[in-house]
Amino acid sequence: MKNGVYSLLKARFLVNEDAVKNWRFIVFIILLGIIMIANTQRFEQKVFKIVALTNQAKELRSEFVDRRSELMKLKMESTVSDKMIEKEIFPSTVPPVKIKVKIEKEKGFFEKLWQ
């Protein structure tokens, strides 16, 4: 046990005759670690991008609500009449009249024939 710990601390497994197998395994573990670190980095970048896009969507949604409320305010009859009074266009005192258009039905061929 004592001899095994000393050989491990002195890294004799890296200089023995069969050290090539150990070096391959160490390089493999290092490559797996690098791949894992890169994968984690990409994941975190995507999370940050998602958070930024979510914040941007919230801002755009709030701006949309503000613009819609402004539009509703501008479409109100009182606002429109105030704007028209500034331009010296006053509301009508006579109520509007509905115009009805009568469409004459065209006579068919037989109706024209028997007239």
N, C-alpha and C. Protein backbone atom coordinates (compact mmCIF):
# COMPACT_ATOMS: atom_id res chain seq x y z
N MET A 1 0.83 -1.19 0.00
CA MET A 1 0.00 0.00 0.00
C MET A 1 0.87 1.25 0.00
N LYS A 2 1.87 1.25 0.92
CA LYS A 2 2.76 2.39 1.03
C LYS A 2 3.58 2.57 -0.25
N ASN A 3 4.03 1.48 -0.81
CA ASN A 3 4.81 1.50 -2.05
C ASN A 3 3.94 1.98 -3.21
N GLY A 4 2.66 1.59 -3.24
CA GLY A 4 1.75 2.01 -4.31
C GLY A 4 1.48 3.50 -4.29
N VAL A 5 1.35 4.08 -3.09
CA VAL A 5 1.09 5.52 -2.96
C VAL A 5 2.33 6.30 -3.38
N TYR A 6 3.51 5.82 -2.99
CA TYR A 6 4.75 6.51 -3.38
C TYR A 6 4.94 6.46 -4.89
N SER A 7 4.66 5.32 -5.50
CA SER A 7 4.83 5.23 -6.96
C SER A 7 3.80 6.11 -7.68
N LEU A 8 2.64 6.25 -7.09
CA LEU A 8 1.62 7.13 -7.68
C LEU A 8 2.05 8.59 -7.57
N LEU A 9 2.59 8.96 -6.41
CA LEU A 9 3.03 10.34 -6.21
C LEU A 9 4.25 10.67 -7.07
N LYS A 10 5.11 9.70 -7.30
CA LYS A 10 6.30 9.94 -8.12
C LYS A 10 6.00 9.79 -9.61
N ALA A 11 4.75 9.40 -9.94
CA ALA A 11 4.28 9.26 -11.33
C ALA A 11 5.11 8.24 -12.10
N ARG A 12 5.41 7.13 -11.48
CA ARG A 12 6.16 6.08 -12.17
C ARG A 12 5.33 5.41 -13.25
N PHE A 13 4.00 5.53 -13.15
CA PHE A 13 3.16 4.91 -14.17
C PHE A 13 3.27 5.62 -15.51
N LEU A 14 3.88 6.81 -15.51
CA LEU A 14 4.06 7.55 -16.76
C LEU A 14 5.39 7.25 -17.45
N VAL A 15 6.32 6.60 -16.75
CA VAL A 15 7.63 6.34 -17.35
C VAL A 15 7.94 4.86 -17.45
N ASN A 16 7.02 3.99 -17.09
CA ASN A 16 7.23 2.55 -17.21
C ASN A 16 7.21 2.11 -18.66
N GLU A 17 7.41 0.81 -18.89
CA GLU A 17 7.40 0.29 -20.26
C GLU A 17 6.01 0.40 -20.90
N ASP A 18 4.98 0.17 -20.13
CA ASP A 18 3.61 0.23 -20.69
C ASP A 18 2.97 1.62 -20.47
N ALA A 19 3.80 2.65 -20.44
CA ALA A 19 3.32 4.02 -20.19
C ALA A 19 2.51 4.57 -21.37
N VAL A 20 2.69 3.98 -22.57
CA VAL A 20 1.98 4.47 -23.75
C VAL A 20 0.47 4.34 -23.55
N LYS A 21 0.02 3.23 -22.95
CA LYS A 21 -1.41 3.06 -22.67
C LYS A 21 -1.90 4.13 -21.70
N ASN A 22 -1.09 4.41 -20.70
CA ASN A 22 -1.48 5.43 -19.71
C ASN A 22 -1.55 6.82 -20.34
N TRP A 23 -0.57 7.14 -21.19
CA TRP A 23 -0.58 8.44 -21.85
C TRP A 23 -1.79 8.59 -22.77
N ARG A 24 -2.13 7.53 -23.49
CA ARG A 24 -3.32 7.57 -24.36
C ARG A 24 -4.56 7.86 -23.53
N PHE A 25 -4.69 7.20 -22.40
CA PHE A 25 -5.86 7.40 -21.55
C PHE A 25 -5.88 8.83 -21.00
N ILE A 26 -4.73 9.34 -20.60
CA ILE A 26 -4.65 10.71 -20.08
C ILE A 26 -5.03 11.71 -21.16
N VAL A 27 -4.52 11.53 -22.37
CA VAL A 27 -4.86 12.43 -23.48
C VAL A 27 -6.36 12.34 -23.78
N PHE A 28 -6.92 11.13 -23.74
CA PHE A 28 -8.34 10.95 -23.96
C PHE A 28 -9.16 11.70 -22.91
N ILE A 29 -8.77 11.59 -21.65
CA ILE A 29 -9.47 12.30 -20.58
C ILE A 29 -9.36 13.81 -20.75
N ILE A 30 -8.18 14.29 -21.16
CA ILE A 30 -7.99 15.73 -21.39
C ILE A 30 -8.89 16.21 -22.53
N LEU A 31 -8.94 15.44 -23.63
CA LEU A 31 -9.82 15.82 -24.75
C LEU A 31 -11.28 15.83 -24.33
N LEU A 32 -11.71 14.84 -23.54
CA LEU A 32 -13.09 14.84 -23.05
C LEU A 32 -13.37 16.06 -22.18
N GLY A 33 -12.40 16.44 -21.36
CA GLY A 33 -12.56 17.64 -20.52
C GLY A 33 -12.69 18.90 -21.35
N ILE A 34 -11.86 19.01 -22.41
CA ILE A 34 -11.93 20.18 -23.29
C ILE A 34 -13.27 20.24 -23.99
N ILE A 35 -13.75 19.10 -24.48
CA ILE A 35 -15.05 19.06 -25.15
C ILE A 35 -16.16 19.45 -24.19
N MET A 36 -16.09 18.96 -22.95
CA MET A 36 -17.11 19.28 -21.97
C MET A 36 -17.11 20.77 -21.64
N ILE A 37 -15.94 21.36 -21.50
CA ILE A 37 -15.83 22.79 -21.21
C ILE A 37 -16.40 23.61 -22.37
N ALA A 38 -16.06 23.22 -23.61
CA ALA A 38 -16.58 23.94 -24.78
C ALA A 38 -18.09 23.82 -24.87
N ASN A 39 -18.62 22.63 -24.59
CA ASN A 39 -20.06 22.43 -24.63
C ASN A 39 -20.77 23.30 -23.58
N THR A 40 -20.20 23.36 -22.39
CA THR A 40 -20.78 24.19 -21.33
C THR A 40 -20.74 25.67 -21.73
N GLN A 41 -19.66 26.08 -22.35
CA GLN A 41 -19.53 27.48 -22.79
C GLN A 41 -20.61 27.81 -23.82
N ARG A 42 -20.83 26.93 -24.79
CA ARG A 42 -21.86 27.17 -25.81
C ARG A 42 -23.25 27.23 -25.18
N PHE A 43 -23.49 26.35 -24.22
CA PHE A 43 -24.78 26.34 -23.53
C PHE A 43 -25.02 27.65 -22.80
N GLU A 44 -24.01 28.15 -22.10
CA GLU A 44 -24.15 29.41 -21.37
C GLU A 44 -24.36 30.58 -22.33
N GLN A 45 -23.69 30.57 -23.47
CA GLN A 45 -23.90 31.63 -24.45
C GLN A 45 -25.33 31.63 -24.95
N LYS A 46 -25.88 30.45 -25.19
CA LYS A 46 -27.27 30.37 -25.65
C LYS A 46 -28.23 30.84 -24.57
N VAL A 47 -27.94 30.51 -23.31
CA VAL A 47 -28.81 30.96 -22.22
C VAL A 47 -28.79 32.49 -22.13
N PHE A 48 -27.60 33.09 -22.24
CA PHE A 48 -27.51 34.55 -22.20
C PHE A 48 -28.26 35.18 -23.37
N LYS A 49 -28.16 34.56 -24.54
CA LYS A 49 -28.88 35.09 -25.71
C LYS A 49 -30.39 34.98 -25.52
N ILE A 50 -30.85 33.88 -24.94
CA ILE A 50 -32.28 33.70 -24.68
C ILE A 50 -32.77 34.75 -23.70
N VAL A 51 -31.99 35.02 -22.66
CA VAL A 51 -32.38 36.04 -21.68
C VAL A 51 -32.45 37.42 -22.34
N ALA A 52 -31.47 37.73 -23.17
CA ALA A 52 -31.46 39.03 -23.86
C ALA A 52 -32.67 39.16 -24.78
N LEU A 53 -32.98 38.10 -25.53
CA LEU A 53 -34.13 38.16 -26.43
C LEU A 53 -35.44 38.24 -25.67
N THR A 54 -35.53 37.59 -24.52
CA THR A 54 -36.73 37.67 -23.69
C THR A 54 -36.93 39.09 -23.18
N ASN A 55 -35.85 39.71 -22.74
CA ASN A 55 -35.95 41.11 -22.28
C ASN A 55 -36.35 42.03 -23.41
N GLN A 56 -35.81 41.79 -24.59
CA GLN A 56 -36.15 42.62 -25.75
C GLN A 56 -37.62 42.43 -26.12
N ALA A 57 -38.11 41.20 -26.04
CA ALA A 57 -39.52 40.94 -26.35
C ALA A 57 -40.42 41.64 -25.34
N LYS A 58 -40.05 41.64 -24.07
CA LYS A 58 -40.84 42.34 -23.05
C LYS A 58 -40.87 43.84 -23.32
N GLU A 59 -39.73 44.40 -23.69
CA GLU A 59 -39.68 45.83 -24.00
C GLU A 59 -40.56 46.16 -25.21
N LEU A 60 -40.47 45.34 -26.24
CA LEU A 60 -41.29 45.58 -27.44
C LEU A 60 -42.78 45.44 -27.14
N ARG A 61 -43.12 44.46 -26.29
CA ARG A 61 -44.52 44.27 -25.93
C ARG A 61 -45.05 45.48 -25.15
N SER A 62 -44.24 46.01 -24.22
CA SER A 62 -44.68 47.18 -23.46
C SER A 62 -44.78 48.41 -24.36
N GLU A 63 -43.85 48.54 -25.31
CA GLU A 63 -43.93 49.65 -26.27
C GLU A 63 -45.19 49.52 -27.13
N PHE A 64 -45.53 48.29 -27.53
CA PHE A 64 -46.73 48.07 -28.31
C PHE A 64 -47.98 48.49 -27.53
N VAL A 65 -48.03 48.13 -26.25
CA VAL A 65 -49.18 48.49 -25.43
C VAL A 65 -49.28 50.00 -25.29
N ASP A 66 -48.14 50.68 -25.10
CA ASP A 66 -48.14 52.14 -25.01
C ASP A 66 -48.66 52.77 -26.30
N ARG A 67 -48.16 52.28 -27.43
CA ARG A 67 -48.58 52.85 -28.72
C ARG A 67 -50.07 52.59 -28.97
N ARG A 68 -50.53 51.41 -28.59
CA ARG A 68 -51.95 51.10 -28.79
C ARG A 68 -52.83 52.00 -27.94
N SER A 69 -52.42 52.27 -26.70
CA SER A 69 -53.21 53.17 -25.85
C SER A 69 -53.20 54.59 -26.40
N GLU A 70 -52.04 55.04 -26.93
CA GLU A 70 -51.99 56.36 -27.57
C GLU A 70 -52.93 56.42 -28.78
N LEU A 71 -52.94 55.36 -29.57
CA LEU A 71 -53.82 55.32 -30.73
C LEU A 71 -55.28 55.38 -30.32
N MET A 72 -55.64 54.62 -29.28
CA MET A 72 -57.03 54.65 -28.81
C MET A 72 -57.41 56.04 -28.34
N LYS A 73 -56.48 56.71 -27.69
CA LYS A 73 -56.74 58.08 -27.23
C LYS A 73 -56.92 59.02 -28.42
N LEU A 74 -56.09 58.86 -29.45
CA LEU A 74 -56.20 59.72 -30.63
C LEU A 74 -57.48 59.45 -31.42
N LYS A 75 -58.00 58.24 -31.36
CA LYS A 75 -59.20 57.89 -32.12
C LYS A 75 -60.49 58.32 -31.42
N MET A 76 -60.39 58.77 -30.18
CA MET A 76 -61.59 59.18 -29.46
C MET A 76 -62.21 60.39 -30.14
N GLU A 77 -63.53 60.46 -30.09
CA GLU A 77 -64.25 61.54 -30.77
C GLU A 77 -63.89 62.91 -30.20
N SER A 78 -63.70 62.99 -28.90
CA SER A 78 -63.36 64.28 -28.28
C SER A 78 -62.00 64.79 -28.77
N THR A 79 -61.04 63.89 -28.90
CA THR A 79 -59.71 64.29 -29.37
C THR A 79 -59.78 64.74 -30.82
N VAL A 80 -60.52 64.02 -31.63
CA VAL A 80 -60.64 64.38 -33.05
C VAL A 80 -61.34 65.73 -33.19
N SER A 81 -62.40 65.95 -32.41
CA SER A 81 -63.12 67.23 -32.52
C SER A 81 -62.25 68.38 -32.04
N ASP A 82 -61.43 68.18 -31.01
CA ASP A 82 -60.51 69.23 -30.56
C ASP A 82 -59.50 69.57 -31.65
N LYS A 83 -58.98 68.55 -32.33
CA LYS A 83 -58.02 68.79 -33.41
C LYS A 83 -58.68 69.53 -34.58
N MET A 84 -59.95 69.22 -34.85
CA MET A 84 -60.64 69.87 -35.95
C MET A 84 -60.98 71.32 -35.62
N ILE A 85 -61.28 71.60 -34.35
CA ILE A 85 -61.57 72.99 -33.95
C ILE A 85 -60.32 73.84 -34.11
N GLU A 86 -59.14 73.27 -33.83
CA GLU A 86 -57.90 74.00 -34.04
C GLU A 86 -57.73 74.38 -35.51
N LYS A 87 -58.22 73.55 -36.41
CA LYS A 87 -58.11 73.83 -37.85
C LYS A 87 -59.35 74.54 -38.38
N GLU A 88 -60.21 74.99 -37.46
CA GLU A 88 -61.44 75.72 -37.78
C GLU A 88 -62.41 74.90 -38.60
N ILE A 89 -62.48 73.62 -38.28
CA ILE A 89 -63.49 72.74 -38.87
C ILE A 89 -64.39 72.33 -37.71
N PHE A 90 -65.66 72.76 -37.78
CA PHE A 90 -66.57 72.56 -36.66
C PHE A 90 -67.50 71.39 -36.94
N PRO A 91 -68.01 70.76 -35.87
CA PRO A 91 -68.93 69.64 -36.07
C PRO A 91 -70.24 70.10 -36.70
N SER A 92 -70.85 69.22 -37.42
CA SER A 92 -72.09 69.53 -38.12
C SER A 92 -73.25 69.63 -37.13
N THR A 93 -74.15 70.59 -37.38
CA THR A 93 -75.34 70.72 -36.53
C THR A 93 -76.48 69.89 -37.08
N VAL A 94 -76.39 69.54 -38.35
CA VAL A 94 -77.43 68.72 -38.99
C VAL A 94 -76.98 67.27 -38.93
N PRO A 95 -77.84 66.39 -38.45
CA PRO A 95 -77.44 64.99 -38.39
C PRO A 95 -77.30 64.40 -39.79
N PRO A 96 -76.50 63.42 -39.95
CA PRO A 96 -76.31 62.81 -41.27
C PRO A 96 -77.57 62.07 -41.73
N VAL A 97 -77.74 62.03 -43.04
CA VAL A 97 -78.89 61.35 -43.64
C VAL A 97 -78.37 60.16 -44.43
N LYS A 98 -79.04 59.05 -44.25
CA LYS A 98 -78.63 57.85 -44.97
C LYS A 98 -79.19 57.91 -46.38
N ILE A 99 -78.34 57.67 -47.35
CA ILE A 99 -78.74 57.70 -48.76
C ILE A 99 -79.00 56.28 -49.20
N LYS A 100 -80.18 56.05 -49.72
CA LYS A 100 -80.53 54.73 -50.22
C LYS A 100 -80.54 54.77 -51.74
N VAL A 101 -79.86 53.87 -52.33
CA VAL A 101 -79.77 53.79 -53.79
C VAL A 101 -80.61 52.60 -54.22
N LYS A 102 -81.55 52.86 -55.10
CA LYS A 102 -82.38 51.78 -55.62
C LYS A 102 -81.77 51.29 -56.92
N ILE A 103 -81.54 50.04 -56.95
CA ILE A 103 -80.96 49.43 -58.15
C ILE A 103 -82.10 48.79 -58.93
N GLU A 104 -82.23 49.24 -60.18
CA GLU A 104 -83.27 48.66 -61.02
C GLU A 104 -82.81 47.31 -61.52
N LYS A 105 -83.70 46.38 -61.39
CA LYS A 105 -83.36 45.04 -61.83
C LYS A 105 -83.45 44.99 -63.35
N GLU A 106 -82.40 44.46 -63.94
CA GLU A 106 -82.40 44.37 -65.40
C GLU A 106 -83.40 43.30 -65.83
N LYS A 107 -84.09 43.62 -66.87
CA LYS A 107 -85.08 42.66 -67.38
C LYS A 107 -84.35 41.59 -68.19
N GLY A 108 -84.83 40.41 -68.02
CA GLY A 108 -84.26 39.31 -68.77
C GLY A 108 -84.69 39.34 -70.23
N PHE A 109 -84.22 38.42 -70.99
CA PHE A 109 -84.49 38.35 -72.42
C PHE A 109 -85.97 38.17 -72.70
N PHE A 110 -86.64 37.27 -71.97
CA PHE A 110 -88.07 37.01 -72.20
C PHE A 110 -88.93 38.17 -71.76
N GLU A 111 -88.56 38.85 -70.69
CA GLU A 111 -89.33 40.02 -70.23
C GLU A 111 -89.26 41.15 -71.25
N LYS A 112 -88.11 41.36 -71.86
CA LYS A 112 -87.97 42.38 -72.87
C LYS A 112 -88.76 41.98 -74.13
N LEU A 113 -88.78 40.73 -74.40
CA LEU A 113 -89.46 40.23 -75.60
C LEU A 113 -90.97 40.46 -75.53
N TRP A 114 -91.60 40.27 -74.35
CA TRP A 114 -93.05 40.37 -74.20
C TRP A 114 -93.52 41.77 -73.89
N GLN A 115 -92.68 42.74 -73.89
CA GLN A 115 -93.12 44.11 -73.60
C GLN A 115 -93.65 44.79 -74.79
